[in-house]
Amino acid sequence: MTKIEEFQKKGAISNFKNVLDGLAGLRANCGQMLNDCEATLTEEETFDAQMRAMNGPKWTALPSNGMNGPYKQNISMYRTKVDQAGAQDTNSM
């Protein structure tokens, strides 16, 4: 069986479109998870800033914004990759 015959047997273009539609849902889910992670980091940084303002030098924890920097960079990197994958999926249609 040739690759074309195999592709046609599996539903041809309609199956391909269904797969791409499924990917769109997964991409949206990834975006929501990234948003949730970013919101959690922002909330934690806000709490840290409040505690730092309220307690002054007694608040000895490392500043959250510095510790969260690598996580925020990773979130940005993953968001870019998800966006790139979406653009590639659009170009595939």
C-alpha atoms as a PDB file:
ATOM      1  CA  MET A   1       0.000   0.000   0.000  1.00  0.00           C
ATOM      2  CA  THR A   2       1.401   3.396  -0.974  1.00  0.00           C
ATOM      3  CA  LYS A   3       1.525   6.311   1.416  1.00  0.00           C
ATOM      4  CA  ILE A   4      -1.222   8.057  -0.560  1.00  0.00           C
ATOM      5  CA  GLU A   5      -3.478   5.006  -0.344  1.00  0.00           C
ATOM      6  CA  GLU A   6      -2.779   4.714   3.379  1.00  0.00           C
ATOM      7  CA  PHE A   7      -3.569   8.405   3.848  1.00  0.00           C
ATOM      8  CA  GLN A   8      -6.836   8.044   1.927  1.00  0.00           C
ATOM      9  CA  LYS A   9      -7.779   4.916   3.888  1.00  0.00           C
ATOM     10  CA  LYS A  10      -7.367   6.812   7.166  1.00  0.00           C
ATOM     11  CA  GLY A  11      -9.820   9.501   6.092  1.00  0.00           C
ATOM     12  CA  ALA A  12      -7.626  11.682   3.928  1.00  0.00           C
ATOM     13  CA  ILE A  13      -7.960  15.413   4.427  1.00  0.00           C
ATOM     14  CA  SER A  14     -10.951  15.256   6.795  1.00  0.00           C
ATOM     15  CA  ASN A  15      -8.931  13.173   9.254  1.00  0.00           C
ATOM     16  CA  PHE A  16      -6.001  15.579   8.907  1.00  0.00           C
ATOM     17  CA  LYS A  17      -8.319  18.526   9.644  1.00  0.00           C
ATOM     18  CA  ASN A  18      -9.693  16.730  12.724  1.00  0.00           C
ATOM     19  CA  VAL A  19      -6.160  16.219  14.009  1.00  0.00           C
ATOM     20  CA  LEU A  20      -5.343  19.911  13.492  1.00  0.00           C
ATOM     21  CA  ASP A  21      -8.581  20.921  15.244  1.00  0.00           C
ATOM     22  CA  GLY A  22      -7.590  18.717  18.183  1.00  0.00           C
ATOM     23  CA  LEU A  23      -4.213  20.391  18.292  1.00  0.00           C
ATOM     24  CA  ALA A  24      -5.903  23.787  18.553  1.00  0.00           C
ATOM     25  CA  GLY A  25      -7.662  22.645  21.718  1.00  0.00           C
ATOM     26  CA  LEU A  26      -4.454  21.311  23.190  1.00  0.00           C
ATOM     27  CA  ARG A  27      -2.678  24.555  22.284  1.00  0.00           C
ATOM     28  CA  ALA A  28      -5.396  26.556  24.071  1.00  0.00           C
ATOM     29  CA  ASN A  29      -4.995  24.313  27.116  1.00  0.00           C
ATOM     30  CA  CYS A  30      -1.227  24.892  27.139  1.00  0.00           C
ATOM     31  CA  GLY A  31      -1.795  28.637  26.906  1.00  0.00           C
ATOM     32  CA  GLN A  32      -4.169  28.523  29.882  1.00  0.00           C
ATOM     33  CA  MET A  33      -1.656  26.547  31.948  1.00  0.00           C
ATOM     34  CA  LEU A  34       1.054  29.093  31.128  1.00  0.00           C
ATOM     35  CA  ASN A  35      -1.302  31.915  32.132  1.00  0.00           C
ATOM     36  CA  ASP A  36      -2.067  30.145  35.414  1.00  0.00           C
ATOM     37  CA  CYS A  37       1.623  29.653  36.179  1.00  0.00           C
ATOM     38  CA  GLU A  38       2.358  33.288  35.422  1.00  0.00           C
ATOM     39  CA  ALA A  39      -0.534  34.417  37.632  1.00  0.00           C
ATOM     40  CA  THR A  40       0.751  32.258  40.505  1.00  0.00           C
ATOM     41  CA  LEU A  41       4.225  33.796  40.215  1.00  0.00           C
ATOM     42  CA  THR A  42       2.773  37.309  40.121  1.00  0.00           C
ATOM     43  CA  GLU A  43       0.601  36.590  43.162  1.00  0.00           C
ATOM     44  CA  GLU A  44       3.602  35.247  45.060  1.00  0.00           C
ATOM     45  CA  GLU A  45       5.686  38.302  44.124  1.00  0.00           C
ATOM     46  CA  THR A  46       2.899  40.607  45.318  1.00  0.00           C
ATOM     47  CA  PHE A  47       2.733  38.759  48.640  1.00  0.00           C
ATOM     48  CA  ASP A  48       6.507  38.981  49.000  1.00  0.00           C
ATOM     49  CA  ALA A  49       6.458  42.728  48.305  1.00  0.00           C
ATOM     50  CA  GLN A  50       3.690  43.239  50.876  1.00  0.00           C
ATOM     51  CA  MET A  51       5.562  41.260  53.529  1.00  0.00           C
ATOM     52  CA  ARG A  52       8.777  43.097  52.716  1.00  0.00           C
ATOM     53  CA  ALA A  53       6.997  46.483  53.089  1.00  0.00           C
ATOM     54  CA  MET A  54       5.272  45.431  56.293  1.00  0.00           C
ATOM     55  CA  ASN A  55       8.241  43.765  58.005  1.00  0.00           C
ATOM     56  CA  GLY A  56      11.206  45.663  56.586  1.00  0.00           C
ATOM     57  CA  PRO A  57      14.573  44.105  57.412  1.00  0.00           C
ATOM     58  CA  LYS A  58      12.903  41.351  59.452  1.00  0.00           C
ATOM     59  CA  TRP A  59      11.675  39.867  56.156  1.00  0.00           C
ATOM     60  CA  THR A  60      14.807  37.931  55.241  1.00  0.00           C
ATOM     61  CA  ALA A  61      13.487  35.778  52.398  1.00  0.00           C
ATOM     62  CA  LEU A  62      15.184  36.276  49.055  1.00  0.00           C
ATOM     63  CA  PRO A  63      13.260  38.674  46.792  1.00  0.00           C
ATOM     64  CA  SER A  64      10.702  36.745  44.762  1.00  0.00           C
ATOM     65  CA  ASN A  65      11.103  38.738  41.572  1.00  0.00           C
ATOM     66  CA  GLY A  66      14.747  37.655  41.336  1.00  0.00           C
ATOM     67  CA  MET A  67      14.042  34.026  42.120  1.00  0.00           C
ATOM     68  CA  ASN A  68      11.081  33.903  39.726  1.00  0.00           C
ATOM     69  CA  GLY A  69      13.021  35.360  36.796  1.00  0.00           C
ATOM     70  CA  PRO A  70      14.063  32.006  35.296  1.00  0.00           C
ATOM     71  CA  TYR A  71      10.503  30.691  35.591  1.00  0.00           C
ATOM     72  CA  LYS A  72       9.124  33.746  33.825  1.00  0.00           C
ATOM     73  CA  GLN A  73      11.725  33.345  31.075  1.00  0.00           C
ATOM     74  CA  ASN A  74      10.670  29.720  30.635  1.00  0.00           C
ATOM     75  CA  ILE A  75       7.008  30.719  30.480  1.00  0.00           C
ATOM     76  CA  SER A  76       7.844  33.257  27.787  1.00  0.00           C
ATOM     77  CA  MET A  77       9.865  30.683  25.855  1.00  0.00           C
ATOM     78  CA  TYR A  78       7.069  28.088  26.027  1.00  0.00           C
ATOM     79  CA  ARG A  79       4.461  30.683  25.025  1.00  0.00           C
ATOM     80  CA  THR A  80       6.581  31.536  21.967  1.00  0.00           C
ATOM     81  CA  LYS A  81       6.871  27.849  21.061  1.00  0.00           C
ATOM     82  CA  VAL A  82       3.116  27.324  21.419  1.00  0.00           C
ATOM     83  CA  ASP A  83       2.485  30.366  19.208  1.00  0.00           C
ATOM     84  CA  GLN A  84       4.970  29.116  16.623  1.00  0.00           C
ATOM     85  CA  ALA A  85       3.321  25.701  16.601  1.00  0.00           C
ATOM     86  CA  GLY A  86      -0.064  27.351  16.066  1.00  0.00           C
ATOM     87  CA  ALA A  87       1.250  29.347  13.152  1.00  0.00           C
ATOM     88  CA  GLN A  88       2.736  26.196  11.653  1.00  0.00           C
ATOM     89  CA  ASP A  89      -0.583  24.369  12.083  1.00  0.00           C
ATOM     90  CA  THR A  90      -2.363  27.229  10.304  1.00  0.00           C
ATOM     91  CA  ASN A  91       0.128  27.065   7.451  1.00  0.00           C
ATOM     92  CA  SER A  92      -0.495  23.315   7.167  1.00  0.00           C
ATOM     93  CA  MET A  93      -4.149  23.815   6.345  1.00  0.00           C
END
